[in-house]
């Protein structure tokens, strides 16, 4: 990721770290937790797993994995933003968290059975090359046969739904901006732009296959505005 873009995204998360969970719940009407739980239900979990929540933010998905995976599983989180990691560590003091960008994870090849990313891939996709590098890194740290799981906003496939999706995102972000301190407003304008311009689920599947994943598939949620992607190394 170019340094200028990385810096802009880091400033975005610095600005919202203290309100991240609260505002996410507001913007999604509380559905973001439901979407994560739905995503985790796709994980083959017949035995303990070594799991990495990449781009973990404040630890929403990390906490869910620690609760939902079989007993004996080991869950870790990684994120490049210090403010978000600080909140994750305070929230989940028993879990290990690592400060690292998604394109350079500090783990040996084949370290994990499962790698997850939730509502962060659109930030990695600030350039096609950046997204490809991150996907290859997720592939590298997975063991052969390991699972990649992603939950992310997606362009609805229905031409009827798309205008309502755009209107909803813009309206809710305008309300959030009006209620938030001034120093957070630019951050949420960025968020709205990233949600509305991110690729659709079919294109994301193509990115996964191009990066070297196999058996990539997805399931749309919330009339196509969110998609869960699953792929295998």
Protein backbone atom coordinates (compact mmCIF):
# COMPACT_ATOMS: atom_id res chain seq x y z
CA UNK A 1 0.00 0.00 0.00
CA UNK A 2 1.45 3.45 -0.88
CA UNK A 3 2.59 5.34 2.23
CA UNK A 4 0.15 8.22 1.58
CA UNK A 5 -2.84 5.87 1.44
CA UNK A 6 -1.61 3.89 4.45
CA UNK A 7 -1.28 7.13 6.40
CA UNK A 8 -4.81 8.23 5.49
CA UNK A 9 -6.29 4.91 6.62
CA UNK A 10 -4.26 4.98 9.84
CA UNK A 11 -5.54 8.49 10.63
CA UNK A 12 -9.07 7.24 9.92
CA UNK A 13 -8.77 4.49 12.53
CA UNK A 14 -6.99 6.75 15.01
CA UNK A 15 -9.97 9.09 14.81
CA UNK A 16 -12.65 6.45 15.37
CA UNK A 17 -10.94 3.89 17.64
CA UNK A 18 -12.74 5.03 20.78
CA UNK A 19 -16.17 4.85 19.17
CA UNK A 20 -15.67 2.06 16.66
CA UNK A 21 -18.03 -0.58 18.08
CA UNK A 22 -20.71 1.97 19.00
CA UNK A 23 -20.84 3.62 15.60
CA UNK A 24 -20.64 0.32 13.70
CA UNK A 25 -23.68 -0.87 15.60
CA UNK A 26 -25.49 2.36 14.79
CA UNK A 27 -24.65 2.27 11.08
CA UNK A 28 -25.71 -1.35 10.65
CA UNK A 29 -28.68 -1.24 13.07
CA UNK A 30 -26.83 -3.79 15.17
CA UNK A 31 -26.52 -6.30 12.33
CA UNK A 32 -22.72 -6.30 12.10
CA UNK A 33 -22.50 -8.76 14.99
CA UNK A 34 -25.09 -11.01 13.37
CA UNK A 35 -23.11 -11.00 10.10
CA UNK A 36 -19.92 -11.98 11.90
CA UNK A 37 -21.70 -14.82 13.70
CA UNK A 38 -23.12 -16.01 10.40
CA UNK A 39 -19.63 -15.95 8.89
CA UNK A 40 -18.15 -18.01 11.73
CA UNK A 41 -20.90 -20.61 11.27
CA UNK A 42 -19.23 -21.52 7.95
CA UNK A 43 -15.98 -22.55 9.64
CA UNK A 44 -15.34 -26.32 9.68
CA UNK A 45 -14.81 -26.75 13.42
CA UNK A 46 -14.66 -30.46 14.21
CA UNK A 47 -11.35 -30.01 16.04
CA UNK A 48 -9.37 -27.24 17.78
CA UNK A 49 -8.06 -24.64 15.32
CA UNK A 50 -5.21 -22.17 15.21
CA UNK A 51 -6.91 -18.97 14.05
CA UNK A 52 -5.70 -15.51 13.08
CA UNK A 53 -8.07 -12.57 12.92
CA UNK A 54 -6.20 -10.32 10.49
CA UNK A 55 -7.03 -6.58 10.45
CA UNK A 56 -8.65 -7.31 13.80
CA UNK A 57 -9.36 -3.70 14.78
CA UNK A 58 -10.80 -3.53 18.29
CA UNK A 59 -11.31 -7.29 18.40
CA UNK A 60 -14.96 -7.90 17.51
CA UNK A 61 -14.26 -10.94 15.35
CA UNK A 62 -11.34 -12.03 17.54
CA UNK A 63 -13.63 -12.26 20.55
CA UNK A 64 -16.27 -14.12 18.57
CA UNK A 65 -13.72 -16.67 17.36
CA UNK A 66 -12.43 -17.21 20.88
CA UNK A 67 -15.97 -17.99 22.03
CA UNK A 68 -17.24 -20.01 19.07
CA UNK A 69 -14.29 -22.21 18.05
CA UNK A 70 -13.87 -25.64 19.69
CA UNK A 71 -12.21 -25.92 23.09
CA UNK A 72 -8.44 -25.99 22.76
CA UNK A 73 -8.36 -23.57 19.84
CA UNK A 74 -5.75 -20.79 19.81
CA UNK A 75 -6.86 -17.37 18.53
CA UNK A 76 -4.65 -14.36 17.79
CA UNK A 77 -5.30 -10.93 16.31
CA UNK A 78 -3.17 -8.67 14.12
CA UNK A 79 -3.64 -5.07 13.01
CA UNK A 80 -1.41 -2.23 11.89
CA UNK A 81 -3.19 0.49 13.91
CA UNK A 82 -1.90 1.01 17.45
CA UNK A 83 -5.04 2.75 18.73
CA UNK A 84 -7.32 -0.07 17.62
CA UNK A 85 -4.94 -2.72 19.01
CA UNK A 86 -4.83 -0.94 22.35
CA UNK A 87 -8.59 -1.29 22.68
CA UNK A 88 -8.47 -4.93 21.57
CA UNK A 89 -5.82 -5.78 24.17
CA UNK A 90 -7.77 -4.06 26.94
CA UNK A 91 -10.94 -5.85 25.90
CA UNK A 92 -9.36 -9.32 25.51
CA UNK A 93 -6.33 -9.44 27.83
CA UNK A 94 -5.97 -13.21 27.53
CA UNK A 95 -5.41 -13.21 23.77
CA UNK A 96 -2.22 -12.33 21.85
CA UNK A 97 -2.32 -9.32 19.51
CA UNK A 98 0.38 -8.33 17.04
CA UNK A 99 1.07 -4.97 15.46
CA UNK A 100 1.56 -5.72 11.77
CA UNK A 101 0.18 -4.74 8.36
CA UNK A 102 -1.79 -7.36 6.46
CA UNK A 103 0.88 -7.44 3.77
CA UNK A 104 3.68 -8.45 6.19
CA UNK A 105 2.37 -10.74 8.93
CA UNK A 106 4.99 -11.81 11.52
CA UNK A 107 4.26 -15.54 11.33
CA UNK A 108 5.96 -18.49 9.62
CA UNK A 109 4.42 -20.18 6.60
CA UNK A 110 1.52 -22.48 7.45
CA UNK A 111 0.99 -21.14 10.98
CA UNK A 112 -2.83 -21.17 11.00
CA UNK A 113 -5.81 -23.36 10.19
CA UNK A 114 -8.04 -20.32 9.77
CA UNK A 115 -7.51 -16.68 8.77
CA UNK A 116 -10.40 -14.24 9.04
CA UNK A 117 -10.93 -10.67 7.89
CA UNK A 118 -14.10 -8.75 8.73
CA UNK A 119 -15.05 -5.40 7.20
CA UNK A 120 -11.44 -4.46 6.44
CA UNK A 121 -10.75 -5.84 2.96
CA UNK A 122 -12.06 -2.70 1.29
CA UNK A 123 -9.22 -0.80 3.00
CA UNK A 124 -6.69 -3.29 1.66
CA UNK A 125 -8.12 -2.73 -1.82
CA UNK A 126 -7.00 0.90 -2.08
CA UNK A 127 -4.92 -0.45 -4.97
CA UNK A 128 -5.27 -3.76 -6.87
CA UNK A 129 -1.63 -4.58 -6.15
CA UNK A 130 -2.12 -3.94 -2.44
CA UNK A 131 -5.10 -6.27 -2.18
CA UNK A 132 -3.30 -9.02 -4.11
CA UNK A 133 -0.25 -8.75 -1.82
CA UNK A 134 -2.42 -9.06 1.30
CA UNK A 135 -4.35 -12.04 -0.06
CA UNK A 136 -1.08 -13.80 -0.90
CA UNK A 137 0.10 -13.13 2.65
CA UNK A 138 -3.07 -14.65 4.11
CA UNK A 139 -2.49 -17.66 1.87
CA UNK A 140 1.12 -17.93 3.02
CA UNK A 141 0.32 -18.12 6.74
CA UNK A 142 -2.40 -20.74 6.21
CA UNK A 143 -1.52 -24.41 6.39
CA UNK A 144 -2.36 -26.54 3.32
CA UNK A 145 -6.09 -27.18 3.48
CA UNK A 146 -6.62 -24.19 5.78
CA UNK A 147 -9.61 -21.86 5.44
CA UNK A 148 -9.82 -18.16 4.64
CA UNK A 149 -13.02 -16.45 5.81
CA UNK A 150 -14.04 -12.91 4.96
CA UNK A 151 -17.15 -10.87 5.70
CA UNK A 152 -17.38 -7.57 3.85
CA UNK A 153 -19.76 -5.07 2.34
CA UNK A 154 -20.62 -5.80 -1.27
CA UNK A 155 -22.40 -4.10 -4.14
CA UNK A 156 -25.93 -5.59 -4.23
CA UNK A 157 -26.54 -7.51 -7.48
CA UNK A 158 -30.10 -6.20 -7.86
CA UNK A 159 -30.48 -3.01 -9.88
CA UNK A 160 -33.62 -2.37 -7.82
CA UNK A 161 -31.81 -2.68 -4.47
CA UNK A 162 -28.66 -0.70 -5.35
CA UNK A 163 -30.22 2.81 -5.19
CA UNK A 164 -31.73 2.05 -1.78
CA UNK A 165 -28.39 0.68 -0.59
CA UNK A 166 -26.59 3.88 -1.63
CA UNK A 167 -29.28 6.05 -0.05
CA UNK A 168 -29.13 4.10 3.22
CA UNK A 169 -25.33 4.32 3.47
CA UNK A 170 -25.27 8.05 2.74
CA UNK A 171 -28.13 8.80 5.12
CA UNK A 172 -26.73 6.83 8.04
CA UNK A 173 -23.25 8.27 7.58
CA UNK A 174 -24.67 11.79 7.47
CA UNK A 175 -26.49 11.11 10.75
CA UNK A 176 -23.34 9.67 12.30
CA UNK A 177 -21.27 12.64 11.17
CA UNK A 178 -23.80 15.05 12.68
CA UNK A 179 -23.61 13.27 16.05
CA UNK A 180 -19.85 12.68 16.15
CA UNK A 181 -17.10 15.10 17.16
CA UNK A 182 -15.80 17.14 14.25
CA UNK A 183 -12.44 15.32 14.18
CA UNK A 184 -14.21 12.05 13.29
CA UNK A 185 -16.35 13.29 10.42
CA UNK A 186 -13.76 13.02 7.68
CA UNK A 187 -13.11 9.45 8.81
CA UNK A 188 -16.72 8.46 8.26
CA UNK A 189 -16.86 10.20 4.90
CA UNK A 190 -13.97 7.93 3.92
CA UNK A 191 -15.88 4.93 5.28
CA UNK A 192 -18.92 5.77 3.17
CA UNK A 193 -16.82 6.10 0.05
CA UNK A 194 -15.12 2.75 0.66
CA UNK A 195 -18.43 0.94 1.22
CA UNK A 196 -20.06 2.37 -1.90
CA UNK A 197 -17.13 1.75 -4.24
CA UNK A 198 -15.94 -1.69 -3.11
CA UNK A 199 -16.14 -4.53 -5.63
CA UNK A 200 -19.02 -6.97 -5.88
CA UNK A 201 -18.88 -10.56 -4.60
CA UNK A 202 -18.08 -12.11 -7.98
CA UNK A 203 -15.10 -9.80 -8.45
CA UNK A 204 -13.88 -10.58 -4.92
CA UNK A 205 -14.06 -14.30 -5.71
CA UNK A 206 -11.90 -13.66 -8.76
CA UNK A 207 -9.32 -11.88 -6.58
CA UNK A 208 -9.16 -14.86 -4.23
CA UNK A 209 -8.64 -17.32 -7.07
CA UNK A 210 -6.01 -15.10 -8.69
CA UNK A 211 -4.11 -14.98 -5.39
CA UNK A 212 -3.91 -18.78 -5.34
CA UNK A 213 -6.87 -19.83 -3.20
CA UNK A 214 -9.06 -22.76 -4.23
CA UNK A 215 -12.76 -23.61 -3.87
CA UNK A 216 -13.66 -19.96 -3.39
CA UNK A 217 -17.36 -19.34 -2.83
CA UNK A 218 -19.59 -16.79 -1.16
CA UNK A 219 -22.99 -16.24 0.35
CA UNK A 220 -24.76 -12.90 0.14
CA UNK A 221 -26.43 -11.47 3.24
CA UNK A 222 -28.83 -8.57 3.81
CA UNK A 223 -30.09 -8.40 0.18
CA UNK A 224 -26.60 -8.55 -1.23
CA UNK A 225 -25.12 -5.61 0.71
CA UNK A 226 -22.81 -7.95 2.63
CA UNK A 227 -21.06 -11.12 1.49
CA UNK A 228 -19.31 -13.93 3.35
CA UNK A 229 -16.41 -15.38 1.33
CA UNK A 230 -14.84 -18.75 2.04
CA UNK A 231 -11.77 -20.14 0.29
CA UNK A 232 -9.22 -22.89 0.92
CA UNK A 233 -5.46 -23.13 0.52
